[in-house]
Amino acid sequence: MLTKQKKTKTMKEVAVHATDTGSPEVQVALLSKQIDELASHLKKHLKDKHSRRGLLQMVADRRTHLKYLEGKDKKRYNALVKKLNLKK
């Protein structure tokens, strides 16, 4: 789970404007951080099937947000993928 400090730091890094909390960029960045933390948890706890299911749901949700952003604004999509080091 992300702490409040990690969450606000992540949001500031990719925010479109000062009070941005819900843009696709912010949502994808937060999901990416959660995915990274959960992936490291699952490396230690191999039999945690419930968390694995949650991880798969987060990955699918991030993919949906990325598809939406790609269709809406290709430049913002490419900038976000490059900033977060995600594969296309």
PDB file of N, CA and C in Angstrom:
ATOM      1  N   MET A   1       0.828  -1.171   0.000  1.00  0.00           N
ATOM      2  CA  MET A   1       0.000   0.000   0.000  1.00  0.00           C
ATOM      3  C   MET A   1       0.877   1.240   0.000  1.00  0.00           C
ATOM      4  N   LEU A   2       0.485   2.238  -0.781  1.00  0.00           N
ATOM      5  CA  LEU A   2       1.271   3.459  -0.876  1.00  0.00           C
ATOM      6  C   LEU A   2       0.999   4.378   0.312  1.00  0.00           C
ATOM      7  N   THR A   3       2.065   4.945   0.843  1.00  0.00           N
ATOM      8  CA  THR A   3       1.890   5.919   1.901  1.00  0.00           C
ATOM      9  C   THR A   3       1.451   7.248   1.296  1.00  0.00           C
ATOM     10  N   LYS A   4       0.957   8.126   2.125  1.00  0.00           N
ATOM     11  CA  LYS A   4       0.471   9.422   1.648  1.00  0.00           C
ATOM     12  C   LYS A   4       1.602  10.224   1.004  1.00  0.00           C
ATOM     13  N   GLN A   5       2.795  10.144   1.566  1.00  0.00           N
ATOM     14  CA  GLN A   5       3.932  10.880   1.027  1.00  0.00           C
ATOM     15  C   GLN A   5       4.317  10.372  -0.358  1.00  0.00           C
ATOM     16  N   LYS A   6       4.354   9.044  -0.516  1.00  0.00           N
ATOM     17  CA  LYS A   6       4.686   8.463  -1.817  1.00  0.00           C
ATOM     18  C   LYS A   6       3.637   8.836  -2.861  1.00  0.00           C
ATOM     19  N   LYS A   7       2.392   8.836  -2.418  1.00  0.00           N
ATOM     20  CA  LYS A   7       1.293   9.148  -3.323  1.00  0.00           C
ATOM     21  C   LYS A   7       1.374  10.597  -3.804  1.00  0.00           C
ATOM     22  N   THR A   8       1.573  11.529  -2.897  1.00  0.00           N
ATOM     23  CA  THR A   8       1.639  12.933  -3.291  1.00  0.00           C
ATOM     24  C   THR A   8       2.872  13.216  -4.140  1.00  0.00           C
ATOM     25  N   LYS A   9       3.987  12.564  -3.838  1.00  0.00           N
ATOM     26  CA  LYS A   9       5.208  12.740  -4.638  1.00  0.00           C
ATOM     27  C   LYS A   9       4.975  12.247  -6.067  1.00  0.00           C
ATOM     28  N   THR A  10       4.338  11.103  -6.194  1.00  0.00           N
ATOM     29  CA  THR A  10       4.060  10.539  -7.510  1.00  0.00           C
ATOM     30  C   THR A  10       3.111  11.434  -8.285  1.00  0.00           C
ATOM     31  N   MET A  11       2.087  11.953  -7.611  1.00  0.00           N
ATOM     32  CA  MET A  11       1.123  12.815  -8.288  1.00  0.00           C
ATOM     33  C   MET A  11       1.784  14.106  -8.766  1.00  0.00           C
ATOM     34  N   LYS A  12       2.685  14.676  -7.965  1.00  0.00           N
ATOM     35  CA  LYS A  12       3.363  15.918  -8.362  1.00  0.00           C
ATOM     36  C   LYS A  12       4.262  15.706  -9.573  1.00  0.00           C
ATOM     37  N   GLU A  13       4.837  14.519  -9.698  1.00  0.00           N
ATOM     38  CA  GLU A  13       5.763  14.250 -10.799  1.00  0.00           C
ATOM     39  C   GLU A  13       5.072  14.256 -12.159  1.00  0.00           C
ATOM     40  N   VAL A  14       3.817  13.802 -12.218  1.00  0.00           N
ATOM     41  CA  VAL A  14       3.150  13.657 -13.508  1.00  0.00           C
ATOM     42  C   VAL A  14       1.896  14.508 -13.666  1.00  0.00           C
ATOM     43  N   ALA A  15       1.598  15.359 -12.681  1.00  0.00           N
ATOM     44  CA  ALA A  15       0.366  16.144 -12.711  1.00  0.00           C
ATOM     45  C   ALA A  15       0.360  17.111 -13.901  1.00  0.00           C
ATOM     46  N   VAL A  16      -0.819  17.273 -14.488  1.00  0.00           N
ATOM     47  CA  VAL A  16      -0.990  18.176 -15.618  1.00  0.00           C
ATOM     48  C   VAL A  16      -1.078  19.618 -15.125  1.00  0.00           C
ATOM     49  N   HIS A  17      -1.734  19.832 -13.989  1.00  0.00           N
ATOM     50  CA  HIS A  17      -1.835  21.161 -13.381  1.00  0.00           C
ATOM     51  C   HIS A  17      -1.705  21.011 -11.866  1.00  0.00           C
ATOM     52  N   ALA A  18      -1.740  22.098 -11.134  1.00  0.00           N
ATOM     53  CA  ALA A  18      -1.426  22.102  -9.704  1.00  0.00           C
ATOM     54  C   ALA A  18      -2.349  21.228  -8.865  1.00  0.00           C
ATOM     55  N   THR A  19      -3.638  21.212  -9.153  1.00  0.00           N
ATOM     56  CA  THR A  19      -4.590  20.455  -8.325  1.00  0.00           C
ATOM     57  C   THR A  19      -5.022  19.157  -8.995  1.00  0.00           C
ATOM     58  N   ASP A  20      -4.195  18.639  -9.853  1.00  0.00           N
ATOM     59  CA  ASP A  20      -4.536  17.436 -10.621  1.00  0.00           C
ATOM     60  C   ASP A  20      -4.457  16.184  -9.756  1.00  0.00           C
ATOM     61  N   THR A  21      -5.580  15.480  -9.641  1.00  0.00           N
ATOM     62  CA  THR A  21      -5.578  14.216  -8.908  1.00  0.00           C
ATOM     63  C   THR A  21      -6.233  13.099  -9.697  1.00  0.00           C
ATOM     64  N   GLY A  22      -6.889  13.394 -10.806  1.00  0.00           N
ATOM     65  CA  GLY A  22      -7.643  12.367 -11.491  1.00  0.00           C
ATOM     66  C   GLY A  22      -7.368  12.219 -12.962  1.00  0.00           C
ATOM     67  N   SER A  23      -6.377  12.897 -13.490  1.00  0.00           N
ATOM     68  CA  SER A  23      -6.080  12.760 -14.910  1.00  0.00           C
ATOM     69  C   SER A  23      -5.538  11.360 -15.182  1.00  0.00           C
ATOM     70  N   PRO A  24      -5.612  10.913 -16.419  1.00  0.00           N
ATOM     71  CA  PRO A  24      -5.088   9.576 -16.744  1.00  0.00           C
ATOM     72  C   PRO A  24      -3.610   9.423 -16.377  1.00  0.00           C
ATOM     73  N   GLU A  25      -2.839  10.491 -16.524  1.00  0.00           N
ATOM     74  CA  GLU A  25      -1.421  10.414 -16.190  1.00  0.00           C
ATOM     75  C   GLU A  25      -1.214  10.091 -14.718  1.00  0.00           C
ATOM     76  N   VAL A  26      -1.952  10.779 -13.859  1.00  0.00           N
ATOM     77  CA  VAL A  26      -1.823  10.556 -12.419  1.00  0.00           C
ATOM     78  C   VAL A  26      -2.297   9.153 -12.055  1.00  0.00           C
ATOM     79  N   GLN A  27      -3.410   8.728 -12.625  1.00  0.00           N
ATOM     80  CA  GLN A  27      -3.944   7.406 -12.312  1.00  0.00           C
ATOM     81  C   GLN A  27      -2.982   6.307 -12.749  1.00  0.00           C
ATOM     82  N   VAL A  28      -2.392   6.448 -13.923  1.00  0.00           N
ATOM     83  CA  VAL A  28      -1.439   5.446 -14.414  1.00  0.00           C
ATOM     84  C   VAL A  28      -0.193   5.433 -13.539  1.00  0.00           C
ATOM     85  N   ALA A  29       0.289   6.610 -13.144  1.00  0.00           N
ATOM     86  CA  ALA A  29       1.487   6.675 -12.299  1.00  0.00           C
ATOM     87  C   ALA A  29       1.240   6.012 -10.950  1.00  0.00           C
ATOM     88  N   LEU A  30       0.083   6.283 -10.338  1.00  0.00           N
ATOM     89  CA  LEU A  30      -0.231   5.669  -9.046  1.00  0.00           C
ATOM     90  C   LEU A  30      -0.386   4.158  -9.171  1.00  0.00           C
ATOM     91  N   LEU A  31      -1.055   3.725 -10.230  1.00  0.00           N
ATOM     92  CA  LEU A  31      -1.192   2.280 -10.439  1.00  0.00           C
ATOM     93  C   LEU A  31       0.169   1.630 -10.653  1.00  0.00           C
ATOM     94  N   SER A  32       1.059   2.303 -11.365  1.00  0.00           N
ATOM     95  CA  SER A  32       2.393   1.750 -11.603  1.00  0.00           C
ATOM     96  C   SER A  32       3.163   1.585 -10.303  1.00  0.00           C
ATOM     97  N   LYS A  33       3.069   2.583  -9.418  1.00  0.00           N
ATOM     98  CA  LYS A  33       3.738   2.470  -8.119  1.00  0.00           C
ATOM     99  C   LYS A  33       3.161   1.314  -7.304  1.00  0.00           C
ATOM    100  N   GLN A  34       1.828   1.196  -7.293  1.00  0.00           N
ATOM    101  CA  GLN A  34       1.197   0.108  -6.555  1.00  0.00           C
ATOM    102  C   GLN A  34       1.585  -1.246  -7.132  1.00  0.00           C
ATOM    103  N   ILE A  35       1.642  -1.324  -8.453  1.00  0.00           N
ATOM    104  CA  ILE A  35       2.022  -2.574  -9.120  1.00  0.00           C
ATOM    105  C   ILE A  35       3.445  -2.959  -8.744  1.00  0.00           C
ATOM    106  N   ASP A  36       4.347  -1.991  -8.724  1.00  0.00           N
ATOM    107  CA  ASP A  36       5.738  -2.272  -8.351  1.00  0.00           C
ATOM    108  C   ASP A  36       5.838  -2.793  -6.923  1.00  0.00           C
ATOM    109  N   GLU A  37       5.121  -2.147  -6.004  1.00  0.00           N
ATOM    110  CA  GLU A  37       5.171  -2.583  -4.606  1.00  0.00           C
ATOM    111  C   GLU A  37       4.565  -3.973  -4.428  1.00  0.00           C
ATOM    112  N   LEU A  38       3.457  -4.214  -5.101  1.00  0.00           N
ATOM    113  CA  LEU A  38       2.800  -5.508  -4.974  1.00  0.00           C
ATOM    114  C   LEU A  38       3.630  -6.612  -5.632  1.00  0.00           C
ATOM    115  N   ALA A  39       4.301  -6.289  -6.710  1.00  0.00           N
ATOM    116  CA  ALA A  39       5.157  -7.279  -7.372  1.00  0.00           C
ATOM    117  C   ALA A  39       6.309  -7.694  -6.457  1.00  0.00           C
ATOM    118  N   SER A  40       6.882  -6.730  -5.743  1.00  0.00           N
ATOM    119  CA  SER A  40       7.965  -7.084  -4.818  1.00  0.00           C
ATOM    120  C   SER A  40       7.425  -7.913  -3.648  1.00  0.00           C
ATOM    121  N   HIS A  41       6.196  -7.629  -3.218  1.00  0.00           N
ATOM    122  CA  HIS A  41       5.563  -8.429  -2.166  1.00  0.00           C
ATOM    123  C   HIS A  41       5.373  -9.873  -2.637  1.00  0.00           C
ATOM    124  N   LEU A  42       4.937 -10.029  -3.880  1.00  0.00           N
ATOM    125  CA  LEU A  42       4.656 -11.377  -4.388  1.00  0.00           C
ATOM    126  C   LEU A  42       5.919 -12.187  -4.634  1.00  0.00           C
ATOM    127  N   LYS A  43       7.056 -11.521  -4.782  1.00  0.00           N
ATOM    128  CA  LYS A  43       8.313 -12.256  -4.909  1.00  0.00           C
ATOM    129  C   LYS A  43       8.668 -12.958  -3.604  1.00  0.00           C
ATOM    130  N   LYS A  44       8.283 -12.347  -2.484  1.00  0.00           N
ATOM    131  CA  LYS A  44       8.550 -12.942  -1.174  1.00  0.00           C
ATOM    132  C   LYS A  44       7.481 -13.949  -0.784  1.00  0.00           C
ATOM    133  N   HIS A  45       6.235 -13.661  -1.145  1.00  0.00           N
ATOM    134  CA  HIS A  45       5.095 -14.493  -0.750  1.00  0.00           C
ATOM    135  C   HIS A  45       4.482 -15.131  -1.993  1.00  0.00           C
ATOM    136  N   LEU A  46       5.075 -16.216  -2.409  1.00  0.00           N
ATOM    137  CA  LEU A  46       4.699 -16.842  -3.676  1.00  0.00           C
ATOM    138  C   LEU A  46       3.282 -17.408  -3.680  1.00  0.00           C
ATOM    139  N   LYS A  47       2.765 -17.798  -2.536  1.00  0.00           N
ATOM    140  CA  LYS A  47       1.455 -18.441  -2.497  1.00  0.00           C
ATOM    141  C   LYS A  47       0.308 -17.480  -2.203  1.00  0.00           C
ATOM    142  N   ASP A  48       0.562 -16.191  -2.239  1.00  0.00           N
ATOM    143  CA  ASP A  48      -0.471 -15.190  -1.965  1.00  0.00           C
ATOM    144  C   ASP A  48      -1.311 -14.973  -3.228  1.00  0.00           C
ATOM    145  N   LYS A  49      -2.268 -15.847  -3.440  1.00  0.00           N
ATOM    146  CA  LYS A  49      -3.071 -15.821  -4.661  1.00  0.00           C
ATOM    147  C   LYS A  49      -4.028 -14.637  -4.706  1.00  0.00           C
ATOM    148  N   HIS A  50      -4.517 -14.190  -3.558  1.00  0.00           N
ATOM    149  CA  HIS A  50      -5.458 -13.071  -3.536  1.00  0.00           C
ATOM    150  C   HIS A  50      -4.778 -11.775  -3.984  1.00  0.00           C
ATOM    151  N   SER A  51      -3.561 -11.572  -3.532  1.00  0.00           N
ATOM    152  CA  SER A  51      -2.816 -10.389  -3.948  1.00  0.00           C
ATOM    153  C   SER A  51      -2.440 -10.477  -5.422  1.00  0.00           C
ATOM    154  N   ARG A  52      -2.167 -11.679  -5.892  1.00  0.00           N
ATOM    155  CA  ARG A  52      -1.839 -11.860  -7.309  1.00  0.00           C
ATOM    156  C   ARG A  52      -3.021 -11.470  -8.184  1.00  0.00           C
ATOM    157  N   ARG A  53      -4.218 -11.818  -7.745  1.00  0.00           N
ATOM    158  CA  ARG A  53      -5.425 -11.451  -8.489  1.00  0.00           C
ATOM    159  C   ARG A  53      -5.589  -9.931  -8.504  1.00  0.00           C
ATOM    160  N   GLY A  54      -5.328  -9.296  -7.367  1.00  0.00           N
ATOM    161  CA  GLY A  54      -5.388  -7.839  -7.297  1.00  0.00           C
ATOM    162  C   GLY A  54      -4.371  -7.185  -8.213  1.00  0.00           C
ATOM    163  N   LEU A  55      -3.189  -7.777  -8.280  1.00  0.00           N
ATOM    164  CA  LEU A  55      -2.148  -7.276  -9.171  1.00  0.00           C
ATOM    165  C   LEU A  55      -2.613  -7.333 -10.620  1.00  0.00           C
ATOM    166  N   LEU A  56      -3.193  -8.443 -11.015  1.00  0.00           N
ATOM    167  CA  LEU A  56      -3.675  -8.583 -12.389  1.00  0.00           C
ATOM    168  C   LEU A  56      -4.780  -7.579 -12.701  1.00  0.00           C
ATOM    169  N   GLN A  57      -5.632  -7.302 -11.733  1.00  0.00           N
ATOM    170  CA  GLN A  57      -6.681  -6.304 -11.931  1.00  0.00           C
ATOM    171  C   GLN A  57      -6.086  -4.911 -12.103  1.00  0.00           C
ATOM    172  N   MET A  58      -5.052  -4.597 -11.317  1.00  0.00           N
ATOM    173  CA  MET A  58      -4.401  -3.295 -11.437  1.00  0.00           C
ATOM    174  C   MET A  58      -3.710  -3.142 -12.783  1.00  0.00           C
ATOM    175  N   VAL A  59      -3.072  -4.200 -13.246  1.00  0.00           N
ATOM    176  CA  VAL A  59      -2.402  -4.152 -14.549  1.00  0.00           C
ATOM    177  C   VAL A  59      -3.430  -3.922 -15.656  1.00  0.00           C
ATOM    178  N   ALA A  60      -4.567  -4.598 -15.573  1.00  0.00           N
ATOM    179  CA  ALA A  60      -5.617  -4.413 -16.573  1.00  0.00           C
ATOM    180  C   ALA A  60      -6.188  -3.000 -16.509  1.00  0.00           C
ATOM    181  N   ASP A  61      -6.345  -2.472 -15.306  1.00  0.00           N
ATOM    182  CA  ASP A  61      -6.868  -1.114 -15.144  1.00  0.00           C
ATOM    183  C   ASP A  61      -5.886  -0.093 -15.710  1.00  0.00           C
ATOM    184  N   ARG A  62      -4.586  -0.295 -15.444  1.00  0.00           N
ATOM    185  CA  ARG A  62      -3.574   0.612 -15.996  1.00  0.00           C
ATOM    186  C   ARG A  62      -3.581   0.560 -17.514  1.00  0.00           C
ATOM    187  N   ARG A  63      -3.717  -0.629 -18.066  1.00  0.00           N
ATOM    188  CA  ARG A  63      -3.753  -0.790 -19.525  1.00  0.00           C
ATOM    189  C   ARG A  63      -4.953  -0.039 -20.116  1.00  0.00           C
ATOM    190  N   THR A  64      -6.098  -0.105 -19.431  1.00  0.00           N
ATOM    191  CA  THR A  64      -7.296   0.603 -19.891  1.00  0.00           C
ATOM    192  C   THR A  64      -7.064   2.109 -19.891  1.00  0.00           C
ATOM    193  N   HIS A  65      -6.465   2.628 -18.835  1.00  0.00           N
ATOM    194  CA  HIS A  65      -6.175   4.066 -18.775  1.00  0.00           C
ATOM    195  C   HIS A  65      -5.191   4.467 -19.870  1.00  0.00           C
ATOM    196  N   LEU A  66      -4.194   3.621 -20.124  1.00  0.00           N
ATOM    197  CA  LEU A  66      -3.224   3.925 -21.168  1.00  0.00           C
ATOM    198  C   LEU A  66      -3.869   3.922 -22.557  1.00  0.00           C
ATOM    199  N   LYS A  67      -4.762   2.981 -22.807  1.00  0.00           N
ATOM    200  CA  LYS A  67      -5.462   2.952 -24.092  1.00  0.00           C
ATOM    201  C   LYS A  67      -6.320   4.206 -24.277  1.00  0.00           C
ATOM    202  N   TYR A  68      -6.986   4.624 -23.197  1.00  0.00           N
ATOM    203  CA  TYR A  68      -7.801   5.826 -23.259  1.00  0.00           C
ATOM    204  C   TYR A  68      -6.932   7.036 -23.597  1.00  0.00           C
ATOM    205  N   LEU A  69      -5.810   7.176 -22.909  1.00  0.00           N
ATOM    206  CA  LEU A  69      -4.925   8.311 -23.130  1.00  0.00           C
ATOM    207  C   LEU A  69      -4.322   8.273 -24.532  1.00  0.00           C
ATOM    208  N   GLU A  70      -3.995   7.084 -25.010  1.00  0.00           N
ATOM    209  CA  GLU A  70      -3.432   6.952 -26.349  1.00  0.00           C
ATOM    210  C   GLU A  70      -4.440   7.406 -27.405  1.00  0.00           C
ATOM    211  N   GLY A  71      -5.686   7.068 -27.222  1.00  0.00           N
ATOM    212  CA  GLY A  71      -6.713   7.477 -28.175  1.00  0.00           C
ATOM    213  C   GLY A  71      -7.033   8.954 -28.095  1.00  0.00           C
ATOM    214  N   LYS A  72      -6.909   9.527 -26.908  1.00  0.00           N
ATOM    215  CA  LYS A  72      -7.269  10.928 -26.705  1.00  0.00           C
ATOM    216  C   LYS A  72      -6.152  11.883 -27.113  1.00  0.00           C
ATOM    217  N   ASP A  73      -4.919  11.578 -26.690  1.00  0.00           N
ATOM    218  CA  ASP A  73      -3.795  12.477 -26.967  1.00  0.00           C
ATOM    219  C   ASP A  73      -2.500  11.665 -27.042  1.00  0.00           C
ATOM    220  N   LYS A  74      -2.048  11.417 -28.244  1.00  0.00           N
ATOM    221  CA  LYS A  74      -0.879  10.566 -28.481  1.00  0.00           C
ATOM    222  C   LYS A  74       0.399  11.163 -27.867  1.00  0.00           C
ATOM    223  N   LYS A  75       0.545  12.495 -27.887  1.00  0.00           N
ATOM    224  CA  LYS A  75       1.749  13.120 -27.330  1.00  0.00           C
ATOM    225  C   LYS A  75       1.840  12.899 -25.823  1.00  0.00           C
ATOM    226  N   ARG A  76       0.718  13.097 -25.128  1.00  0.00           N
ATOM    227  CA  ARG A  76       0.697  12.885 -23.676  1.00  0.00           C
ATOM    228  C   ARG A  76       0.969  11.425 -23.351  1.00  0.00           C
ATOM    229  N   TYR A  77       0.431  10.521 -24.154  1.00  0.00           N
ATOM    230  CA  TYR A  77       0.650   9.089 -23.960  1.00  0.00           C
ATOM    231  C   TYR A  77       2.135   8.752 -24.083  1.00  0.00           C
ATOM    232  N   ASN A  78       2.757   9.218 -25.164  1.00  0.00           N
ATOM    233  CA  ASN A  78       4.175   8.922 -25.383  1.00  0.00           C
ATOM    234  C   ASN A  78       5.045   9.519 -24.287  1.00  0.00           C
ATOM    235  N   ALA A  79       4.708  10.733 -23.843  1.00  0.00           N
ATOM    236  CA  ALA A  79       5.480  11.363 -22.771  1.00  0.00           C
ATOM    237  C   ALA A  79       5.357  10.569 -21.466  1.00  0.00           C
ATOM    238  N   LEU A  80       4.158  10.094 -21.175  1.00  0.00           N
ATOM    239  CA  LEU A  80       3.938   9.322 -19.950  1.00  0.00           C
ATOM    240  C   LEU A  80       4.660   7.981 -19.994  1.00  0.00           C
ATOM    241  N   VAL A  81       4.586   7.292 -21.114  1.00  0.00           N
ATOM    242  CA  VAL A  81       5.257   5.992 -21.246  1.00  0.00           C
ATOM    243  C   VAL A  81       6.758   6.164 -21.081  1.00  0.00           C
ATOM    244  N   LYS A  82       7.289   7.238 -21.656  1.00  0.00           N
ATOM    245  CA  LYS A  82       8.721   7.496 -21.546  1.00  0.00           C
ATOM    246  C   LYS A  82       9.104   7.857 -20.104  1.00  0.00           C
ATOM    247  N   LYS A  83       8.288   8.677 -19.439  1.00  0.00           N
ATOM    248  CA  LYS A  83       8.577   9.110 -18.077  1.00  0.00           C
ATOM    249  C   LYS A  83       8.519   7.951 -17.083  1.00  0.00           C
ATOM    250  N   LEU A  84       7.565   7.033 -17.275  1.00  0.00           N
ATOM    251  CA  LEU A  84       7.403   5.922 -16.339  1.00  0.00           C
ATOM    252  C   LEU A  84       8.155   4.666 -16.755  1.00  0.00           C
ATOM    253  N   ASN A  85       8.862   4.729 -17.874  1.00  0.00           N
ATOM    254  CA  ASN A  85       9.613   3.585 -18.401  1.00  0.00           C
ATOM    255  C   ASN A  85       8.728   2.364 -18.623  1.00  0.00           C
ATOM    256  N   LEU A  86       7.583   2.569 -19.253  1.00  0.00           N
ATOM    257  CA  LEU A  86       6.679   1.475 -19.583  1.00  0.00           C
ATOM    258  C   LEU A  86       6.911   1.070 -21.027  1.00  0.00           C
ATOM    259  N   LYS A  87       6.738  -0.207 -21.312  1.00  0.00           N
ATOM    260  CA  LYS A  87       6.864  -0.668 -22.704  1.00  0.00           C
ATOM    261  C   LYS A  87       5.591  -0.354 -23.449  1.00  0.00           C
ATOM    262  N   LYS A  88       5.725  -0.141 -24.719  1.00  0.00           N
ATOM    263  CA  LYS A  88       4.543   0.105 -25.550  1.00  0.00           C
ATOM    264  C   LYS A  88       3.855  -1.178 -25.883  1.00  0.00           C
TER     265      LYS A  88
END
